[in-house]
Amino acid sequence: MSEEWFSPSAIKFTKVHTLWLLHNLQELHLAWPVDSSSYIDQPGKLAPSSKAPFATPIEYAAEIEQRLEKCGIDGLILESVEVWGKSVQVMCRYLGMTPSTIDRKMNTALRYVASGPSRRWHNSRKRKAESYKEFKDRIRGKR
């Protein structure tokens, strides 16, 4: 089953978009993943970008990586499973945690990475201001 493809302008940091970015994280360091299912060249449809072609994918990769880092071990677990292909069972053995704990940590990290400002995220003033701890407290009703 092939995964859906998204253009840079379509990314809104939903869970679906975030997982897609995670699955393509390594490729984003080189170029935007190609839509292999239906590539159609439509010259003149969009104005040329003033940025270098590699800038947008690198910006998205950096944003995802920064959001993952804010999650600490939970972000590392999410990255290990979604980017590196480690299984939940392997992560349980590495970390001495139960599968339900691993799943909870991954889901919380994914919710954090997929939440927050999705427009102009490359502007550091607009970047997610809420810490991961504040986010967890808020979703657990501790605020």
N, C-alpha and C. Protein backbone atom coordinates (compact mmCIF):
# COMPACT_ATOMS: atom_id res chain seq x y z
N MET A 1 0.84 -1.18 0.00
CA MET A 1 0.00 0.00 0.00
C MET A 1 0.89 1.25 0.00
N SER A 2 0.71 2.12 -0.97
CA SER A 2 1.55 3.31 -1.05
C SER A 2 1.00 4.40 -0.14
N GLU A 3 1.90 5.18 0.37
CA GLU A 3 1.54 6.26 1.27
C GLU A 3 1.13 7.50 0.47
N GLU A 4 0.21 8.24 0.99
CA GLU A 4 -0.23 9.48 0.36
C GLU A 4 0.96 10.44 0.24
N TRP A 5 0.92 11.34 -0.72
CA TRP A 5 1.98 12.33 -0.93
C TRP A 5 1.42 13.71 -0.66
N PHE A 6 2.25 14.59 -0.09
CA PHE A 6 1.84 15.96 0.21
C PHE A 6 2.87 16.94 -0.34
N SER A 7 2.38 18.03 -0.89
CA SER A 7 3.28 19.10 -1.33
C SER A 7 3.64 19.94 -0.11
N PRO A 8 4.73 20.71 -0.16
CA PRO A 8 5.10 21.55 0.98
C PRO A 8 3.98 22.50 1.41
N SER A 9 3.24 23.03 0.46
CA SER A 9 2.17 23.98 0.80
C SER A 9 0.97 23.30 1.46
N ALA A 10 0.86 21.99 1.34
CA ALA A 10 -0.26 21.25 1.93
C ALA A 10 -0.02 20.88 3.39
N ILE A 11 1.22 20.94 3.84
CA ILE A 11 1.56 20.50 5.19
C ILE A 11 0.96 21.45 6.22
N LYS A 12 0.17 20.89 7.14
CA LYS A 12 -0.48 21.67 8.19
C LYS A 12 -0.14 21.13 9.58
N PHE A 13 0.81 20.22 9.69
CA PHE A 13 1.20 19.61 10.96
C PHE A 13 0.03 18.95 11.68
N THR A 14 -0.76 18.20 10.91
CA THR A 14 -1.74 17.30 11.49
C THR A 14 -1.00 16.01 11.83
N LYS A 15 -1.67 15.06 12.48
CA LYS A 15 -1.01 13.78 12.77
C LYS A 15 -0.62 13.08 11.48
N VAL A 16 -1.51 13.09 10.49
CA VAL A 16 -1.22 12.43 9.21
C VAL A 16 -0.02 13.07 8.53
N HIS A 17 0.01 14.40 8.46
CA HIS A 17 1.14 15.10 7.83
C HIS A 17 2.43 14.89 8.62
N THR A 18 2.33 14.92 9.94
CA THR A 18 3.52 14.74 10.77
C THR A 18 4.10 13.34 10.59
N LEU A 19 3.24 12.32 10.56
CA LEU A 19 3.73 10.96 10.32
C LEU A 19 4.37 10.85 8.94
N TRP A 20 3.77 11.50 7.94
CA TRP A 20 4.35 11.47 6.60
C TRP A 20 5.74 12.13 6.61
N LEU A 21 5.85 13.27 7.28
CA LEU A 21 7.15 13.93 7.38
C LEU A 21 8.15 13.04 8.12
N LEU A 22 7.72 12.39 9.18
CA LEU A 22 8.61 11.49 9.92
C LEU A 22 9.08 10.34 9.03
N HIS A 23 8.15 9.74 8.30
CA HIS A 23 8.51 8.61 7.43
C HIS A 23 9.47 9.04 6.31
N ASN A 24 9.45 10.31 5.97
CA ASN A 24 10.31 10.83 4.90
C ASN A 24 11.44 11.73 5.43
N LEU A 25 11.69 11.66 6.72
CA LEU A 25 12.65 12.58 7.36
C LEU A 25 14.04 12.51 6.73
N GLN A 26 14.54 11.32 6.50
CA GLN A 26 15.88 11.19 5.92
C GLN A 26 15.94 11.78 4.52
N GLU A 27 14.89 11.55 3.74
CA GLU A 27 14.84 12.10 2.38
C GLU A 27 14.73 13.62 2.38
N LEU A 28 14.07 14.18 3.40
CA LEU A 28 13.91 15.64 3.48
C LEU A 28 15.26 16.35 3.61
N HIS A 29 16.26 15.67 4.12
CA HIS A 29 17.58 16.29 4.22
C HIS A 29 18.23 16.45 2.85
N LEU A 30 17.69 15.76 1.85
CA LEU A 30 18.24 15.84 0.50
C LEU A 30 17.35 16.60 -0.47
N ALA A 31 16.04 16.32 -0.42
CA ALA A 31 15.08 16.95 -1.33
C ALA A 31 13.68 16.59 -0.87
N TRP A 32 12.67 17.28 -1.41
CA TRP A 32 11.29 16.95 -1.07
C TRP A 32 10.95 15.60 -1.70
N PRO A 33 10.33 14.70 -0.95
CA PRO A 33 9.98 13.39 -1.52
C PRO A 33 9.12 13.53 -2.78
N VAL A 34 9.44 12.73 -3.77
CA VAL A 34 8.75 12.80 -5.06
C VAL A 34 7.42 12.06 -4.96
N ASP A 35 6.42 12.61 -5.61
CA ASP A 35 5.12 11.94 -5.70
C ASP A 35 5.23 10.92 -6.81
N SER A 36 5.55 9.69 -6.46
CA SER A 36 5.78 8.66 -7.47
C SER A 36 4.49 8.14 -8.08
N SER A 37 3.34 8.44 -7.48
CA SER A 37 2.09 7.88 -7.98
C SER A 37 1.54 8.65 -9.19
N SER A 38 1.78 9.96 -9.25
CA SER A 38 1.17 10.73 -10.35
C SER A 38 1.93 12.01 -10.61
N TYR A 39 3.12 11.91 -11.13
CA TYR A 39 3.90 13.10 -11.44
C TYR A 39 3.44 13.67 -12.77
N ILE A 40 3.00 14.92 -12.74
CA ILE A 40 2.60 15.62 -13.96
C ILE A 40 3.27 16.99 -13.93
N ASP A 41 4.06 17.26 -14.92
CA ASP A 41 4.74 18.55 -14.99
C ASP A 41 3.77 19.57 -15.58
N GLN A 42 3.51 20.62 -14.82
CA GLN A 42 2.60 21.66 -15.29
C GLN A 42 3.33 23.00 -15.28
N PRO A 43 4.10 23.27 -16.34
CA PRO A 43 4.87 24.50 -16.36
C PRO A 43 3.98 25.74 -16.31
N GLY A 44 4.47 26.75 -15.62
CA GLY A 44 3.77 28.01 -15.56
C GLY A 44 2.63 28.05 -14.56
N LYS A 45 2.34 26.94 -13.91
CA LYS A 45 1.22 26.93 -12.97
C LYS A 45 1.55 27.68 -11.68
N LEU A 46 2.77 27.56 -11.20
CA LEU A 46 3.19 28.24 -9.97
C LEU A 46 4.33 29.19 -10.27
N ALA A 47 4.38 30.27 -9.52
CA ALA A 47 5.50 31.19 -9.68
C ALA A 47 6.74 30.54 -9.09
N PRO A 48 7.89 30.77 -9.68
CA PRO A 48 9.11 30.18 -9.14
C PRO A 48 9.40 30.71 -7.74
N SER A 49 9.96 29.86 -6.93
CA SER A 49 10.29 30.22 -5.55
C SER A 49 11.58 31.03 -5.53
N SER A 50 11.65 31.93 -4.56
CA SER A 50 12.89 32.71 -4.41
C SER A 50 13.91 31.96 -3.58
N LYS A 51 13.51 30.81 -3.01
CA LYS A 51 14.42 29.99 -2.19
C LYS A 51 15.09 28.94 -3.05
N ALA A 52 16.23 28.49 -2.56
CA ALA A 52 16.91 27.36 -3.21
C ALA A 52 16.01 26.13 -3.07
N PRO A 53 16.05 25.23 -4.04
CA PRO A 53 15.15 24.07 -4.01
C PRO A 53 15.32 23.19 -2.77
N PHE A 54 16.50 23.17 -2.20
CA PHE A 54 16.74 22.32 -1.03
C PHE A 54 16.32 22.98 0.28
N ALA A 55 15.99 24.27 0.27
CA ALA A 55 15.71 24.98 1.52
C ALA A 55 14.43 24.51 2.19
N THR A 56 13.36 24.36 1.44
CA THR A 56 12.07 23.97 2.03
C THR A 56 12.14 22.60 2.69
N PRO A 57 12.65 21.57 2.03
CA PRO A 57 12.70 20.27 2.71
C PRO A 57 13.57 20.29 3.96
N ILE A 58 14.66 21.02 3.91
CA ILE A 58 15.54 21.10 5.09
C ILE A 58 14.84 21.84 6.22
N GLU A 59 14.06 22.88 5.90
CA GLU A 59 13.31 23.61 6.94
C GLU A 59 12.30 22.68 7.62
N TYR A 60 11.59 21.88 6.84
CA TYR A 60 10.62 20.95 7.42
C TYR A 60 11.33 19.89 8.27
N ALA A 61 12.44 19.36 7.79
CA ALA A 61 13.19 18.36 8.56
C ALA A 61 13.67 18.97 9.88
N ALA A 62 14.19 20.19 9.83
CA ALA A 62 14.68 20.85 11.04
C ALA A 62 13.55 21.10 12.03
N GLU A 63 12.39 21.50 11.53
CA GLU A 63 11.25 21.75 12.41
C GLU A 63 10.80 20.47 13.11
N ILE A 64 10.68 19.39 12.35
CA ILE A 64 10.29 18.10 12.93
C ILE A 64 11.32 17.66 13.96
N GLU A 65 12.59 17.77 13.63
CA GLU A 65 13.64 17.33 14.55
C GLU A 65 13.66 18.18 15.82
N GLN A 66 13.42 19.48 15.70
CA GLN A 66 13.39 20.33 16.89
C GLN A 66 12.21 19.96 17.78
N ARG A 67 11.06 19.72 17.18
CA ARG A 67 9.88 19.34 17.96
C ARG A 67 10.10 17.98 18.64
N LEU A 68 10.72 17.04 17.93
CA LEU A 68 11.03 15.74 18.53
C LEU A 68 11.97 15.90 19.73
N GLU A 69 12.99 16.72 19.58
CA GLU A 69 13.96 16.93 20.67
C GLU A 69 13.30 17.51 21.91
N LYS A 70 12.31 18.39 21.71
CA LYS A 70 11.60 18.95 22.86
C LYS A 70 10.87 17.88 23.66
N CYS A 71 10.58 16.74 23.03
CA CYS A 71 9.86 15.65 23.69
C CYS A 71 10.79 14.72 24.48
N GLY A 72 12.09 14.96 24.41
CA GLY A 72 13.03 14.12 25.15
C GLY A 72 12.95 12.66 24.74
N ILE A 73 12.93 11.76 25.73
CA ILE A 73 12.91 10.32 25.46
C ILE A 73 11.67 9.91 24.67
N ASP A 74 10.54 10.59 24.89
CA ASP A 74 9.33 10.26 24.15
C ASP A 74 9.51 10.54 22.66
N GLY A 75 10.18 11.64 22.33
CA GLY A 75 10.47 11.96 20.93
C GLY A 75 11.44 10.97 20.32
N LEU A 76 12.41 10.54 21.11
CA LEU A 76 13.38 9.54 20.64
C LEU A 76 12.68 8.21 20.36
N ILE A 77 11.73 7.84 21.21
CA ILE A 77 10.96 6.61 20.99
C ILE A 77 10.16 6.74 19.69
N LEU A 78 9.47 7.86 19.52
CA LEU A 78 8.69 8.08 18.30
C LEU A 78 9.58 8.02 17.06
N GLU A 79 10.71 8.70 17.11
CA GLU A 79 11.64 8.69 15.98
C GLU A 79 12.18 7.28 15.72
N SER A 80 12.52 6.56 16.77
CA SER A 80 13.05 5.20 16.61
C SER A 80 12.07 4.28 15.90
N VAL A 81 10.81 4.39 16.26
CA VAL A 81 9.80 3.52 15.66
C VAL A 81 9.41 3.99 14.26
N GLU A 82 9.12 5.29 14.11
CA GLU A 82 8.59 5.80 12.84
C GLU A 82 9.66 6.08 11.78
N VAL A 83 10.86 6.47 12.19
CA VAL A 83 11.90 6.82 11.21
C VAL A 83 12.87 5.67 11.01
N TRP A 84 13.32 5.07 12.12
CA TRP A 84 14.35 4.03 12.03
C TRP A 84 13.80 2.63 11.90
N GLY A 85 12.48 2.47 12.09
CA GLY A 85 11.86 1.17 11.91
C GLY A 85 12.01 0.20 13.08
N LYS A 86 12.38 0.70 14.25
CA LYS A 86 12.46 -0.17 15.43
C LYS A 86 11.04 -0.58 15.82
N SER A 87 10.88 -1.80 16.28
CA SER A 87 9.55 -2.24 16.71
C SER A 87 9.29 -1.81 18.15
N VAL A 88 8.03 -1.78 18.52
CA VAL A 88 7.67 -1.45 19.90
C VAL A 88 8.30 -2.47 20.84
N GLN A 89 8.32 -3.73 20.44
CA GLN A 89 8.91 -4.78 21.28
C GLN A 89 10.40 -4.54 21.52
N VAL A 90 11.11 -4.12 20.49
CA VAL A 90 12.54 -3.82 20.64
C VAL A 90 12.72 -2.64 21.59
N MET A 91 11.89 -1.61 21.44
CA MET A 91 11.99 -0.45 22.33
C MET A 91 11.68 -0.84 23.78
N CYS A 92 10.75 -1.78 23.97
CA CYS A 92 10.45 -2.28 25.32
C CYS A 92 11.69 -2.91 25.94
N ARG A 93 12.39 -3.70 25.16
CA ARG A 93 13.60 -4.36 25.67
C ARG A 93 14.70 -3.33 25.95
N TYR A 94 14.90 -2.38 25.06
CA TYR A 94 15.93 -1.36 25.26
C TYR A 94 15.66 -0.54 26.52
N LEU A 95 14.41 -0.16 26.72
CA LEU A 95 14.08 0.81 27.76
C LEU A 95 13.45 0.20 29.01
N GLY A 96 13.17 -1.11 28.98
CA GLY A 96 12.57 -1.76 30.13
C GLY A 96 11.17 -1.23 30.42
N MET A 97 10.41 -0.96 29.37
CA MET A 97 9.05 -0.44 29.51
C MET A 97 8.06 -1.42 28.90
N THR A 98 6.81 -1.30 29.28
CA THR A 98 5.76 -2.14 28.71
C THR A 98 5.34 -1.58 27.36
N PRO A 99 4.73 -2.43 26.50
CA PRO A 99 4.24 -1.92 25.21
C PRO A 99 3.24 -0.77 25.38
N SER A 100 2.39 -0.83 26.41
CA SER A 100 1.41 0.25 26.59
C SER A 100 2.12 1.56 26.96
N THR A 101 3.19 1.48 27.72
CA THR A 101 3.96 2.69 28.07
C THR A 101 4.63 3.27 26.82
N ILE A 102 5.22 2.40 26.02
CA ILE A 102 5.87 2.85 24.77
C ILE A 102 4.82 3.50 23.87
N ASP A 103 3.68 2.85 23.70
CA ASP A 103 2.61 3.41 22.85
C ASP A 103 2.14 4.76 23.38
N ARG A 104 1.94 4.87 24.69
CA ARG A 104 1.48 6.13 25.28
C ARG A 104 2.50 7.23 25.04
N LYS A 105 3.78 6.94 25.25
CA LYS A 105 4.83 7.94 25.05
C LYS A 105 4.91 8.37 23.58
N MET A 106 4.81 7.40 22.67
CA MET A 106 4.84 7.73 21.24
C MET A 106 3.65 8.59 20.85
N ASN A 107 2.46 8.21 21.31
CA ASN A 107 1.25 8.96 20.95
C ASN A 107 1.27 10.37 21.52
N THR A 108 1.77 10.52 22.75
CA THR A 108 1.85 11.86 23.34
C THR A 108 2.86 12.72 22.56
N ALA A 109 4.00 12.14 22.23
CA ALA A 109 5.01 12.88 21.45
C ALA A 109 4.45 13.26 20.08
N LEU A 110 3.75 12.34 19.43
CA LEU A 110 3.16 12.63 18.12
C LEU A 110 2.15 13.77 18.23
N ARG A 111 1.32 13.74 19.25
CA ARG A 111 0.34 14.82 19.44
C ARG A 111 1.05 16.16 19.62
N TYR A 112 2.16 16.16 20.38
CA TYR A 112 2.90 17.40 20.61
C TYR A 112 3.54 17.90 19.31
N VAL A 113 4.22 17.00 18.60
CA VAL A 113 4.90 17.38 17.37
C VAL A 113 3.89 17.89 16.34
N ALA A 114 2.70 17.29 16.31
CA ALA A 114 1.67 17.67 15.33
C ALA A 114 0.83 18.86 15.78
N SER A 115 1.04 19.36 16.99
CA SER A 115 0.23 20.47 17.48
C SER A 115 0.97 21.79 17.35
N GLY A 116 0.26 22.86 17.58
CA GLY A 116 0.90 24.17 17.58
C GLY A 116 0.85 24.85 16.24
N PRO A 117 1.56 25.96 16.13
CA PRO A 117 1.49 26.77 14.91
C PRO A 117 1.94 25.98 13.68
N SER A 118 1.15 26.08 12.64
CA SER A 118 1.55 25.42 11.40
C SER A 118 1.87 26.44 10.32
N ARG A 119 1.51 27.69 10.54
CA ARG A 119 1.83 28.73 9.57
C ARG A 119 3.03 29.52 10.06
N ARG A 120 3.90 29.82 9.13
CA ARG A 120 5.08 30.62 9.41
C ARG A 120 5.91 30.02 10.55
N TRP A 121 5.92 28.67 10.63
CA TRP A 121 6.65 28.00 11.68
C TRP A 121 8.15 28.21 11.58
N HIS A 122 8.61 28.57 10.39
CA HIS A 122 10.03 28.79 10.21
C HIS A 122 10.50 30.07 10.90
N ASN A 123 9.55 30.92 11.28
CA ASN A 123 9.87 32.14 12.01
C ASN A 123 9.93 31.79 13.48
N SER A 124 11.09 31.90 14.10
CA SER A 124 11.28 31.44 15.48
C SER A 124 10.31 32.11 16.46
N ARG A 125 9.84 33.30 16.16
CA ARG A 125 8.88 33.95 17.05
C ARG A 125 7.53 33.25 17.03
N LYS A 126 7.22 32.56 15.94
CA LYS A 126 5.94 31.88 15.81
C LYS A 126 6.03 30.40 16.21
N ARG A 127 7.23 29.95 16.51
CA ARG A 127 7.44 28.55 16.83
C ARG A 127 6.71 28.17 18.11
N LYS A 128 6.42 26.91 18.24
CA LYS A 128 5.72 26.39 19.40
C LYS A 128 6.38 26.88 20.69
N ALA A 129 5.63 27.62 21.50
CA ALA A 129 6.15 28.17 22.75
C ALA A 129 5.91 27.24 23.93
N GLU A 130 4.89 26.41 23.84
CA GLU A 130 4.54 25.51 24.94
C GLU A 130 5.57 24.38 25.05
N SER A 131 6.10 24.18 26.25
CA SER A 131 7.06 23.09 26.44
C SER A 131 6.32 21.75 26.40
N TYR A 132 7.08 20.68 26.26
CA TYR A 132 6.47 19.36 26.23
C TYR A 132 5.82 19.04 27.58
N LYS A 133 6.46 19.44 28.67
CA LYS A 133 5.89 19.21 30.00
C LYS A 133 4.58 19.97 30.15
N GLU A 134 4.55 21.24 29.72
CA GLU A 134 3.31 22.02 29.78
C GLU A 134 2.21 21.37 28.94
N PHE A 135 2.59 20.87 27.76
CA PHE A 135 1.64 20.20 26.89
C PHE A 135 1.06 18.97 27.57
N LYS A 136 1.93 18.13 28.15
CA LYS A 136 1.46 16.93 28.83
C LYS A 136 0.56 17.27 30.00
N ASP A 137 0.93 18.27 30.77
CA ASP A 137 0.09 18.70 31.90
C ASP A 137 -1.28 19.17 31.41
N ARG A 138 -1.27 19.93 30.30
CA ARG A 138 -2.53 20.46 29.78
C ARG A 138 -3.44 19.35 29.28
N ILE A 139 -2.90 18.38 28.55
CA ILE A 139 -3.76 17.34 28.00
C ILE A 139 -4.22 16.37 29.09
N ARG A 140 -3.53 16.33 30.18
CA ARG A 140 -3.94 15.48 31.32
C ARG A 140 -4.79 16.25 32.31
N GLY A 141 -5.10 17.52 31.99
CA GLY A 141 -5.99 18.31 32.83
C GLY A 141 -5.36 18.82 34.10
N LYS A 142 -4.04 18.99 34.13
CA LYS A 142 -3.37 19.44 35.34
C LYS A 142 -3.22 20.95 35.39
N ARG A 143 -3.68 21.64 34.40
CA ARG A 143 -3.53 23.09 34.35
C ARG A 143 -4.69 23.79 34.96
